PDB file of N, CA and C in Angstrom:
ATOM      1  N   UNK A   1      -4.466  47.018   0.895  1.00  0.00           N
ATOM      2  CA  UNK A   1      -5.794  47.552   1.422  1.00  0.00           C
ATOM      3  C   UNK A   1      -6.648  46.283   1.693  1.00  0.00           C
ATOM      4  N   UNK A   2      -7.142  46.156   2.949  1.00  0.00           N
ATOM      5  CA  UNK A   2      -8.074  45.028   3.250  1.00  0.00           C
ATOM      6  C   UNK A   2      -9.216  44.989   2.319  1.00  0.00           C
ATOM      7  N   UNK A   3      -9.682  43.770   1.961  1.00  0.00           N
ATOM      8  CA  UNK A   3     -10.786  43.631   1.041  1.00  0.00           C
ATOM      9  C   UNK A   3     -12.047  43.319   1.750  1.00  0.00           C
ATOM     10  N   UNK A   4     -13.093  43.013   1.005  1.00  0.00           N
ATOM     11  CA  UNK A   4     -14.483  42.919   1.415  1.00  0.00           C
ATOM     12  C   UNK A   4     -14.647  42.375   2.860  1.00  0.00           C
ATOM     13  N   UNK A   5     -15.504  43.033   3.588  1.00  0.00           N
ATOM     14  CA  UNK A   5     -15.805  42.655   4.958  1.00  0.00           C
ATOM     15  C   UNK A   5     -17.295  42.700   5.187  1.00  0.00           C
ATOM     16  N   UNK A   6     -17.836  41.733   5.848  1.00  0.00           N
ATOM     17  CA  UNK A   6     -19.275  41.709   6.199  1.00  0.00           C
ATOM     18  C   UNK A   6     -19.466  42.570   7.462  1.00  0.00           C
ATOM     19  N   UNK A   7     -20.411  43.509   7.314  1.00  0.00           N
ATOM     20  CA  UNK A   7     -20.653  44.417   8.439  1.00  0.00           C
ATOM     21  C   UNK A   7     -21.777  43.886   9.336  1.00  0.00           C
ATOM     22  N   UNK A   8     -21.932  44.411  10.551  1.00  0.00           N
ATOM     23  CA  UNK A   8     -22.949  43.918  11.486  1.00  0.00           C
ATOM     24  C   UNK A   8     -24.377  43.919  10.916  1.00  0.00           C
ATOM     25  N   UNK A   9     -24.678  44.821   9.995  1.00  0.00           N
ATOM     26  CA  UNK A   9     -26.018  44.899   9.421  1.00  0.00           C
ATOM     27  C   UNK A   9     -26.204  43.942   8.211  1.00  0.00           C
ATOM     28  N   UNK A  10     -25.163  43.112   7.956  1.00  0.00           N
ATOM     29  CA  UNK A  10     -25.245  42.113   6.878  1.00  0.00           C
ATOM     30  C   UNK A  10     -24.783  42.595   5.525  1.00  0.00           C
ATOM     31  N   UNK A  11     -24.498  43.914   5.386  1.00  0.00           N
ATOM     32  CA  UNK A  11     -23.996  44.391   4.089  1.00  0.00           C
ATOM     33  C   UNK A  11     -22.481  44.145   4.014  1.00  0.00           C
ATOM     34  N   UNK A  12     -21.969  44.273   2.791  1.00  0.00           N
ATOM     35  CA  UNK A  12     -20.561  43.973   2.549  1.00  0.00           C
ATOM     36  C   UNK A  12     -19.829  45.212   1.991  1.00  0.00           C
ATOM     37  N   UNK A  13     -18.922  45.739   2.737  1.00  0.00           N
ATOM     38  CA  UNK A  13     -18.108  46.864   2.276  1.00  0.00           C
ATOM     39  C   UNK A  13     -16.942  46.290   1.474  1.00  0.00           C
ATOM     40  N   UNK A  14     -16.691  46.861   0.318  1.00  0.00           N
ATOM     41  CA  UNK A  14     -15.625  46.335  -0.570  1.00  0.00           C
ATOM     42  C   UNK A  14     -14.208  46.429   0.019  1.00  0.00           C
ATOM     43  N   UNK A  15     -13.863  47.639   0.532  1.00  0.00           N
ATOM     44  CA  UNK A  15     -12.558  47.823   1.139  1.00  0.00           C
ATOM     45  C   UNK A  15     -12.713  48.750   2.343  1.00  0.00           C
ATOM     46  N   UNK A  16     -11.855  48.538   3.315  1.00  0.00           N
ATOM     47  CA  UNK A  16     -11.931  49.411   4.522  1.00  0.00           C
ATOM     48  C   UNK A  16     -10.475  49.727   4.969  1.00  0.00           C
ATOM     49  N   UNK A  17     -10.280  50.951   5.340  1.00  0.00           N
ATOM     50  CA  UNK A  17      -9.018  51.402   5.823  1.00  0.00           C
ATOM     51  C   UNK A  17      -9.218  52.018   7.243  1.00  0.00           C
ATOM     52  N   UNK A  18      -8.200  52.564   7.834  1.00  0.00           N
ATOM     53  CA  UNK A  18      -8.397  53.163   9.107  1.00  0.00           C
ATOM     54  C   UNK A  18      -9.381  54.311   9.089  1.00  0.00           C
ATOM     55  N   UNK A  19      -9.521  55.010   7.958  1.00  0.00           N
ATOM     56  CA  UNK A  19     -10.392  56.157   7.920  1.00  0.00           C
ATOM     57  C   UNK A  19     -11.495  56.109   6.888  1.00  0.00           C
ATOM     58  N   UNK A  20     -11.458  55.157   5.930  1.00  0.00           N
ATOM     59  CA  UNK A  20     -12.387  55.125   4.819  1.00  0.00           C
ATOM     60  C   UNK A  20     -13.157  53.764   4.729  1.00  0.00           C
ATOM     61  N   UNK A  21     -14.420  53.895   4.354  1.00  0.00           N
ATOM     62  CA  UNK A  21     -15.210  52.764   3.977  1.00  0.00           C
ATOM     63  C   UNK A  21     -15.448  52.882   2.418  1.00  0.00           C
ATOM     64  N   UNK A  22     -14.912  51.988   1.672  1.00  0.00           N
ATOM     65  CA  UNK A  22     -14.794  52.201   0.176  1.00  0.00           C
ATOM     66  C   UNK A  22     -15.672  51.261  -0.602  1.00  0.00           C
ATOM     67  N   UNK A  23     -16.542  51.825  -1.478  1.00  0.00           N
ATOM     68  CA  UNK A  23     -17.333  51.036  -2.448  1.00  0.00           C
ATOM     69  C   UNK A  23     -16.569  51.042  -3.768  1.00  0.00           C
ATOM     70  N   UNK A  24     -16.445  49.898  -4.416  1.00  0.00           N
ATOM     71  CA  UNK A  24     -15.820  49.807  -5.710  1.00  0.00           C
ATOM     72  C   UNK A  24     -16.846  49.306  -6.694  1.00  0.00           C
ATOM     73  N   UNK A  25     -16.967  50.068  -7.812  1.00  0.00           N
ATOM     74  CA  UNK A  25     -17.936  49.676  -8.817  1.00  0.00           C
ATOM     75  C   UNK A  25     -17.615  50.254 -10.221  1.00  0.00           C
ATOM     76  N   UNK A  26     -18.363  49.793 -11.208  1.00  0.00           N
ATOM     77  CA  UNK A  26     -18.190  50.343 -12.605  1.00  0.00           C
ATOM     78  C   UNK A  26     -18.705  51.770 -12.568  1.00  0.00           C
ATOM     79  N   UNK A  27     -18.198  52.609 -13.493  1.00  0.00           N
ATOM     80  CA  UNK A  27     -18.641  53.998 -13.499  1.00  0.00           C
ATOM     81  C   UNK A  27     -20.114  54.158 -13.773  1.00  0.00           C
ATOM     82  N   UNK A  28     -20.738  53.230 -14.573  1.00  0.00           N
ATOM     83  CA  UNK A  28     -22.186  53.423 -14.864  1.00  0.00           C
ATOM     84  C   UNK A  28     -23.021  53.156 -13.629  1.00  0.00           C
ATOM     85  N   UNK A  29     -22.424  52.692 -12.513  1.00  0.00           N
ATOM     86  CA  UNK A  29     -23.206  52.441 -11.308  1.00  0.00           C
ATOM     87  C   UNK A  29     -22.866  53.509 -10.271  1.00  0.00           C
ATOM     88  N   UNK A  30     -22.499  54.706 -10.750  1.00  0.00           N
ATOM     89  CA  UNK A  30     -22.078  55.852  -9.869  1.00  0.00           C
ATOM     90  C   UNK A  30     -23.136  56.165  -8.856  1.00  0.00           C
ATOM     91  N   UNK A  31     -24.405  56.195  -9.241  1.00  0.00           N
ATOM     92  CA  UNK A  31     -25.481  56.615  -8.309  1.00  0.00           C
ATOM     93  C   UNK A  31     -25.605  55.590  -7.146  1.00  0.00           C
ATOM     94  N   UNK A  32     -25.608  54.301  -7.574  1.00  0.00           N
ATOM     95  CA  UNK A  32     -25.662  53.249  -6.559  1.00  0.00           C
ATOM     96  C   UNK A  32     -24.502  53.289  -5.591  1.00  0.00           C
ATOM     97  N   UNK A  33     -23.342  53.594  -6.145  1.00  0.00           N
ATOM     98  CA  UNK A  33     -22.120  53.673  -5.309  1.00  0.00           C
ATOM     99  C   UNK A  33     -22.207  54.752  -4.260  1.00  0.00           C
ATOM    100  N   UNK A  34     -22.840  55.807  -4.578  1.00  0.00           N
ATOM    101  CA  UNK A  34     -23.049  56.949  -3.552  1.00  0.00           C
ATOM    102  C   UNK A  34     -23.777  56.361  -2.358  1.00  0.00           C
ATOM    103  N   UNK A  35     -24.959  55.791  -2.607  1.00  0.00           N
ATOM    104  CA  UNK A  35     -25.730  55.253  -1.498  1.00  0.00           C
ATOM    105  C   UNK A  35     -25.025  54.201  -0.693  1.00  0.00           C
ATOM    106  N   UNK A  36     -24.361  53.285  -1.400  1.00  0.00           N
ATOM    107  CA  UNK A  36     -23.635  52.181  -0.678  1.00  0.00           C
ATOM    108  C   UNK A  36     -22.510  52.795   0.142  1.00  0.00           C
ATOM    109  N   UNK A  37     -21.750  53.675  -0.388  1.00  0.00           N
ATOM    110  CA  UNK A  37     -20.594  54.268   0.368  1.00  0.00           C
ATOM    111  C   UNK A  37     -21.098  55.007   1.631  1.00  0.00           C
ATOM    112  N   UNK A  38     -22.224  55.718   1.515  1.00  0.00           N
ATOM    113  CA  UNK A  38     -22.789  56.411   2.669  1.00  0.00           C
ATOM    114  C   UNK A  38     -23.258  55.428   3.726  1.00  0.00           C
ATOM    115  N   UNK A  39     -23.896  54.307   3.327  1.00  0.00           N
ATOM    116  CA  UNK A  39     -24.352  53.336   4.307  1.00  0.00           C
ATOM    117  C   UNK A  39     -23.131  52.668   4.963  1.00  0.00           C
ATOM    118  N   UNK A  40     -22.123  52.285   4.184  1.00  0.00           N
ATOM    119  CA  UNK A  40     -20.948  51.622   4.804  1.00  0.00           C
ATOM    120  C   UNK A  40     -20.249  52.594   5.754  1.00  0.00           C
ATOM    121  N   UNK A  41     -20.170  53.875   5.386  1.00  0.00           N
ATOM    122  CA  UNK A  41     -19.496  54.820   6.258  1.00  0.00           C
ATOM    123  C   UNK A  41     -20.280  55.008   7.497  1.00  0.00           C
ATOM    124  N   UNK A  42     -21.565  55.047   7.468  1.00  0.00           N
ATOM    125  CA  UNK A  42     -22.399  55.201   8.669  1.00  0.00           C
ATOM    126  C   UNK A  42     -22.248  54.007   9.582  1.00  0.00           C
ATOM    127  N   UNK A  43     -22.263  52.842   8.983  1.00  0.00           N
ATOM    128  CA  UNK A  43     -22.137  51.601   9.713  1.00  0.00           C
ATOM    129  C   UNK A  43     -20.793  51.455  10.409  1.00  0.00           C
ATOM    130  N   UNK A  44     -19.722  51.872   9.751  1.00  0.00           N
ATOM    131  CA  UNK A  44     -18.386  51.689  10.276  1.00  0.00           C
ATOM    132  C   UNK A  44     -17.850  52.919  11.010  1.00  0.00           C
ATOM    133  N   UNK A  45     -18.595  54.031  10.929  1.00  0.00           N
ATOM    134  CA  UNK A  45     -18.152  55.327  11.552  1.00  0.00           C
ATOM    135  C   UNK A  45     -16.860  55.765  10.929  1.00  0.00           C
ATOM    136  N   UNK A  46     -16.745  55.549   9.563  1.00  0.00           N
ATOM    137  CA  UNK A  46     -15.608  56.002   8.780  1.00  0.00           C
ATOM    138  C   UNK A  46     -16.117  56.967   7.701  1.00  0.00           C
ATOM    139  N   UNK A  47     -15.232  57.589   6.966  1.00  0.00           N
ATOM    140  CA  UNK A  47     -15.602  58.425   5.871  1.00  0.00           C
ATOM    141  C   UNK A  47     -15.955  57.637   4.672  1.00  0.00           C
ATOM    142  N   UNK A  48     -16.968  58.072   3.849  1.00  0.00           N
ATOM    143  CA  UNK A  48     -17.313  57.341   2.608  1.00  0.00           C
ATOM    144  C   UNK A  48     -16.338  57.627   1.491  1.00  0.00           C
ATOM    145  N   UNK A  49     -16.087  56.593   0.714  1.00  0.00           N
ATOM    146  CA  UNK A  49     -15.224  56.726  -0.450  1.00  0.00           C
ATOM    147  C   UNK A  49     -15.650  55.780  -1.553  1.00  0.00           C
ATOM    148  N   UNK A  50     -15.394  56.116  -2.810  1.00  0.00           N
ATOM    149  CA  UNK A  50     -15.801  55.365  -3.952  1.00  0.00           C
ATOM    150  C   UNK A  50     -14.650  55.219  -4.931  1.00  0.00           C
ATOM    151  N   UNK A  51     -14.476  54.019  -5.423  1.00  0.00           N
ATOM    152  CA  UNK A  51     -13.506  53.788  -6.540  1.00  0.00           C
ATOM    153  C   UNK A  51     -14.339  53.409  -7.716  1.00  0.00           C
ATOM    154  N   UNK A  52     -14.427  54.228  -8.768  1.00  0.00           N
ATOM    155  CA  UNK A  52     -15.155  53.906  -9.975  1.00  0.00           C
ATOM    156  C   UNK A  52     -14.212  53.423 -11.036  1.00  0.00           C
ATOM    157  N   UNK A  53     -14.566  52.314 -11.656  1.00  0.00           N
ATOM    158  CA  UNK A  53     -13.713  51.696 -12.629  1.00  0.00           C
ATOM    159  C   UNK A  53     -14.381  51.803 -14.021  1.00  0.00           C
ATOM    160  N   UNK A  54     -13.589  52.354 -14.948  1.00  0.00           N
ATOM    161  CA  UNK A  54     -14.100  52.486 -16.329  1.00  0.00           C
ATOM    162  C   UNK A  54     -13.866  51.231 -17.103  1.00  0.00           C
ATOM    163  N   UNK A  55     -14.885  50.589 -17.643  1.00  0.00           N
ATOM    164  CA  UNK A  55     -14.721  49.363 -18.384  1.00  0.00           C
ATOM    165  C   UNK A  55     -13.920  49.533 -19.622  1.00  0.00           C
ATOM    166  N   UNK A  56     -14.462  50.385 -20.577  1.00  0.00           N
ATOM    167  CA  UNK A  56     -13.801  50.475 -21.881  1.00  0.00           C
ATOM    168  C   UNK A  56     -13.861  51.877 -22.458  1.00  0.00           C
ATOM    169  N   UNK A  57     -15.049  52.528 -22.422  1.00  0.00           N
ATOM    170  CA  UNK A  57     -15.277  53.786 -23.165  1.00  0.00           C
ATOM    171  C   UNK A  57     -14.947  54.992 -22.294  1.00  0.00           C
ATOM    172  N   UNK A  58     -13.765  55.599 -22.420  1.00  0.00           N
ATOM    173  CA  UNK A  58     -13.399  56.727 -21.570  1.00  0.00           C
ATOM    174  C   UNK A  58     -14.345  57.926 -21.671  1.00  0.00           C
ATOM    175  N   UNK A  59     -14.985  58.154 -22.866  1.00  0.00           N
ATOM    176  CA  UNK A  59     -15.945  59.224 -23.025  1.00  0.00           C
ATOM    177  C   UNK A  59     -17.125  59.033 -22.174  1.00  0.00           C
ATOM    178  N   UNK A  60     -17.646  57.810 -22.191  1.00  0.00           N
ATOM    179  CA  UNK A  60     -18.826  57.505 -21.325  1.00  0.00           C
ATOM    180  C   UNK A  60     -18.459  57.549 -19.874  1.00  0.00           C
ATOM    181  N   UNK A  61     -17.293  57.174 -19.536  1.00  0.00           N
ATOM    182  CA  UNK A  61     -16.840  57.199 -18.102  1.00  0.00           C
ATOM    183  C   UNK A  61     -16.697  58.659 -17.634  1.00  0.00           C
ATOM    184  N   UNK A  62     -16.243  59.514 -18.518  1.00  0.00           N
ATOM    185  CA  UNK A  62     -16.116  60.926 -18.123  1.00  0.00           C
ATOM    186  C   UNK A  62     -17.484  61.525 -17.876  1.00  0.00           C
ATOM    187  N   UNK A  63     -18.475  61.065 -18.585  1.00  0.00           N
ATOM    188  CA  UNK A  63     -19.859  61.549 -18.364  1.00  0.00           C
ATOM    189  C   UNK A  63     -20.300  61.106 -16.978  1.00  0.00           C
ATOM    190  N   UNK A  64     -20.029  59.852 -16.610  1.00  0.00           N
ATOM    191  CA  UNK A  64     -20.389  59.373 -15.294  1.00  0.00           C
ATOM    192  C   UNK A  64     -19.607  60.134 -14.223  1.00  0.00           C
ATOM    193  N   UNK A  65     -18.369  60.497 -14.463  1.00  0.00           N
ATOM    194  CA  UNK A  65     -17.585  61.263 -13.504  1.00  0.00           C
ATOM    195  C   UNK A  65     -18.246  62.621 -13.314  1.00  0.00           C
ATOM    196  N   UNK A  66     -18.724  63.252 -14.375  1.00  0.00           N
ATOM    197  CA  UNK A  66     -19.385  64.520 -14.268  1.00  0.00           C
ATOM    198  C   UNK A  66     -20.652  64.359 -13.404  1.00  0.00           C
ATOM    199  N   UNK A  67     -21.438  63.352 -13.645  1.00  0.00           N
ATOM    200  CA  UNK A  67     -22.703  63.132 -12.941  1.00  0.00           C
ATOM    201  C   UNK A  67     -22.443  62.916 -11.428  1.00  0.00           C
ATOM    202  N   UNK A  68     -21.495  62.110 -11.069  1.00  0.00           N
ATOM    203  CA  UNK A  68     -21.231  61.924  -9.656  1.00  0.00           C
ATOM    204  C   UNK A  68     -20.748  63.177  -9.030  1.00  0.00           C
ATOM    205  N   UNK A  69     -19.929  63.896  -9.771  1.00  0.00           N
ATOM    206  CA  UNK A  69     -19.389  65.194  -9.234  1.00  0.00           C
ATOM    207  C   UNK A  69     -20.518  66.153  -8.962  1.00  0.00           C
ATOM    208  N   UNK A  70     -21.457  66.166  -9.920  1.00  0.00           N
ATOM    209  CA  UNK A  70     -22.613  67.113  -9.766  1.00  0.00           C
ATOM    210  C   UNK A  70     -23.473  66.789  -8.544  1.00  0.00           C
ATOM    211  N   UNK A  71     -23.764  65.476  -8.380  1.00  0.00           N
ATOM    212  CA  UNK A  71     -24.601  65.066  -7.267  1.00  0.00           C
ATOM    213  C   UNK A  71     -23.890  65.252  -5.949  1.00  0.00           C
ATOM    214  N   UNK A  72     -22.657  64.815  -5.835  1.00  0.00           N
ATOM    215  CA  UNK A  72     -21.903  64.958  -4.584  1.00  0.00           C
ATOM    216  C   UNK A  72     -21.729  66.421  -4.196  1.00  0.00           C
ATOM    217  N   UNK A  73     -21.381  67.287  -5.179  1.00  0.00           N
ATOM    218  CA  UNK A  73     -21.154  68.689  -4.874  1.00  0.00           C
ATOM    219  C   UNK A  73     -22.507  69.372  -4.457  1.00  0.00           C
ATOM    220  N   UNK A  74     -23.561  69.055  -5.082  1.00  0.00           N
ATOM    221  CA  UNK A  74     -24.873  69.652  -4.811  1.00  0.00           C
ATOM    222  C   UNK A  74     -25.267  69.326  -3.378  1.00  0.00           C
ATOM    223  N   UNK A  75     -25.110  68.101  -2.982  1.00  0.00           N
ATOM    224  CA  UNK A  75     -25.594  67.713  -1.617  1.00  0.00           C
ATOM    225  C   UNK A  75     -24.414  67.882  -0.578  1.00  0.00           C
ATOM    226  N   UNK A  76     -23.260  68.400  -1.050  1.00  0.00           N
ATOM    227  CA  UNK A  76     -22.155  68.639  -0.141  1.00  0.00           C
ATOM    228  C   UNK A  76     -21.773  67.395   0.677  1.00  0.00           C
ATOM    229  N   UNK A  77     -21.648  66.217  -0.033  1.00  0.00           N
ATOM    230  CA  UNK A  77     -21.334  64.973   0.602  1.00  0.00           C
ATOM    231  C   UNK A  77     -19.836  64.878   0.751  1.00  0.00           C
ATOM    232  N   UNK A  78     -19.354  64.479   1.917  1.00  0.00           N
ATOM    233  CA  UNK A  78     -17.906  64.359   2.194  1.00  0.00           C
ATOM    234  C   UNK A  78     -17.330  63.049   1.651  1.00  0.00           C
ATOM    235  N   UNK A  79     -17.317  62.876   0.356  1.00  0.00           N
ATOM    236  CA  UNK A  79     -16.907  61.606  -0.273  1.00  0.00           C
ATOM    237  C   UNK A  79     -15.635  61.842  -1.082  1.00  0.00           C
ATOM    238  N   UNK A  80     -14.690  60.887  -0.976  1.00  0.00           N
ATOM    239  CA  UNK A  80     -13.533  60.814  -1.871  1.00  0.00           C
ATOM    240  C   UNK A  80     -13.896  59.874  -2.992  1.00  0.00           C
ATOM    241  N   UNK A  81     -13.591  60.308  -4.240  1.00  0.00           N
ATOM    242  CA  UNK A  81     -13.892  59.538  -5.386  1.00  0.00           C
ATOM    243  C   UNK A  81     -12.631  59.347  -6.226  1.00  0.00           C
ATOM    244  N   UNK A  82     -12.310  58.082  -6.522  1.00  0.00           N
ATOM    245  CA  UNK A  82     -11.263  57.819  -7.468  1.00  0.00           C
ATOM    246  C   UNK A  82     -11.883  57.377  -8.801  1.00  0.00           C
ATOM    247  N   UNK A  83     -11.431  57.909  -9.889  1.00  0.00           N
ATOM    248  CA  UNK A  83     -11.906  57.516 -11.222  1.00  0.00           C
ATOM    249  C   UNK A  83     -10.753  56.776 -11.901  1.00  0.00           C
ATOM    250  N   UNK A  84     -10.905  55.494 -12.159  1.00  0.00           N
ATOM    251  CA  UNK A  84      -9.896  54.640 -12.743  1.00  0.00           C
ATOM    252  C   UNK A  84     -10.197  54.270 -14.142  1.00  0.00           C
ATOM    253  N   UNK A  85      -9.274  54.611 -15.039  1.00  0.00           N
ATOM    254  CA  UNK A  85      -9.409  54.313 -16.488  1.00  0.00           C
ATOM    255  C   UNK A  85      -8.915  52.919 -16.798  1.00  0.00           C
ATOM    256  N   UNK A  86      -9.193  52.335 -17.930  1.00  0.00           N
ATOM    257  CA  UNK A  86      -8.694  50.953 -18.236  1.00  0.00           C
ATOM    258  C   UNK A  86      -7.205  50.840 -18.199  1.00  0.00           C
ATOM    259  N   UNK A  87      -6.503  51.929 -18.470  1.00  0.00           N
ATOM    260  CA  UNK A  87      -5.023  51.915 -18.470  1.00  0.00           C
ATOM    261  C   UNK A  87      -4.426  52.044 -17.096  1.00  0.00           C
ATOM    262  N   UNK A  88      -5.175  52.420 -16.077  1.00  0.00           N
ATOM    263  CA  UNK A  88      -4.636  52.560 -14.698  1.00  0.00           C
ATOM    264  C   UNK A  88      -4.396  51.209 -14.070  1.00  0.00           C
ATOM    265  N   UNK A  89      -3.132  50.969 -13.616  1.00  0.00           N
ATOM    266  CA  UNK A  89      -2.841  49.636 -13.062  1.00  0.00           C
ATOM    267  C   UNK A  89      -2.761  49.717 -11.550  1.00  0.00           C
ATOM    268  N   UNK A  90      -2.738  50.904 -10.963  1.00  0.00           N
ATOM    269  CA  UNK A  90      -2.756  51.030  -9.509  1.00  0.00           C
ATOM    270  C   UNK A  90      -3.642  52.199  -9.120  1.00  0.00           C
ATOM    271  N   UNK A  91      -4.132  52.188  -7.915  1.00  0.00           N
ATOM    272  CA  UNK A  91      -4.991  53.296  -7.428  1.00  0.00           C
ATOM    273  C   UNK A  91      -4.284  54.605  -7.509  1.00  0.00           C
ATOM    274  N   UNK A  92      -3.024  54.633  -7.325  1.00  0.00           N
ATOM    275  CA  UNK A  92      -2.201  55.861  -7.393  1.00  0.00           C
ATOM    276  C   UNK A  92      -2.265  56.500  -8.824  1.00  0.00           C
ATOM    277  N   UNK A  93      -2.592  55.721  -9.795  1.00  0.00           N
ATOM    278  CA  UNK A  93      -2.655  56.206 -11.175  1.00  0.00           C
ATOM    279  C   UNK A  93      -4.078  56.746 -11.533  1.00  0.00           C
ATOM    280  N   UNK A  94      -5.051  56.465 -10.682  1.00  0.00           N
ATOM    281  CA  UNK A  94      -6.441  56.932 -10.919  1.00  0.00           C
ATOM    282  C   UNK A  94      -6.527  58.417 -10.456  1.00  0.00           C
ATOM    283  N   UNK A  95      -7.470  59.142 -11.041  1.00  0.00           N
ATOM    284  CA  UNK A  95      -7.678  60.494 -10.634  1.00  0.00           C
ATOM    285  C   UNK A  95      -8.512  60.481  -9.315  1.00  0.00           C
ATOM    286  N   UNK A  96      -8.061  61.297  -8.421  1.00  0.00           N
ATOM    287  CA  UNK A  96      -8.712  61.358  -7.086  1.00  0.00           C
ATOM    288  C   UNK A  96      -9.341  62.700  -6.847  1.00  0.00           C
ATOM    289  N   UNK A  97     -10.577  62.737  -6.332  1.00  0.00           N
ATOM    290  CA  UNK A  97     -11.196  63.966  -5.993  1.00  0.00           C
ATOM    291  C   UNK A  97     -11.858  63.859  -4.625  1.00  0.00           C
ATOM    292  N   UNK A  98     -11.494  64.808  -3.762  1.00  0.00           N
ATOM    293  CA  UNK A  98     -12.050  64.844  -2.407  1.00  0.00           C
ATOM    294  C   UNK A  98     -13.090  65.966  -2.342  1.00  0.00           C
ATOM    295  N   UNK A  99     -14.330  65.605  -2.006  1.00  0.00           N
ATOM    296  CA  UNK A  99     -15.443  66.580  -1.932  1.00  0.00           C
ATOM    297  C   UNK A  99     -15.611  67.024  -0.526  1.00  0.00           C
TER     298      UNK A  99
END
């Protein structure tokens, strides 16, 4: 997956695919990740996506997963979210949710 790219508006999208503009961040930055992914998607005309990485505490990370789920579902945002735990070694091992 191609890594960080500078966009015409000066922002930096973490990853970009043919269809997705992806923000990668720690789970406690879930709210910031929503805004960044929406901006990157609008700028690139791609769909927004987020990869949230759990640092250490799975219980705390699950709380963040609930909060992002609640916000995204309420506003009906078309975002794909991966939740990656410390033991996940590849994106395919992370839990994926398409909203």
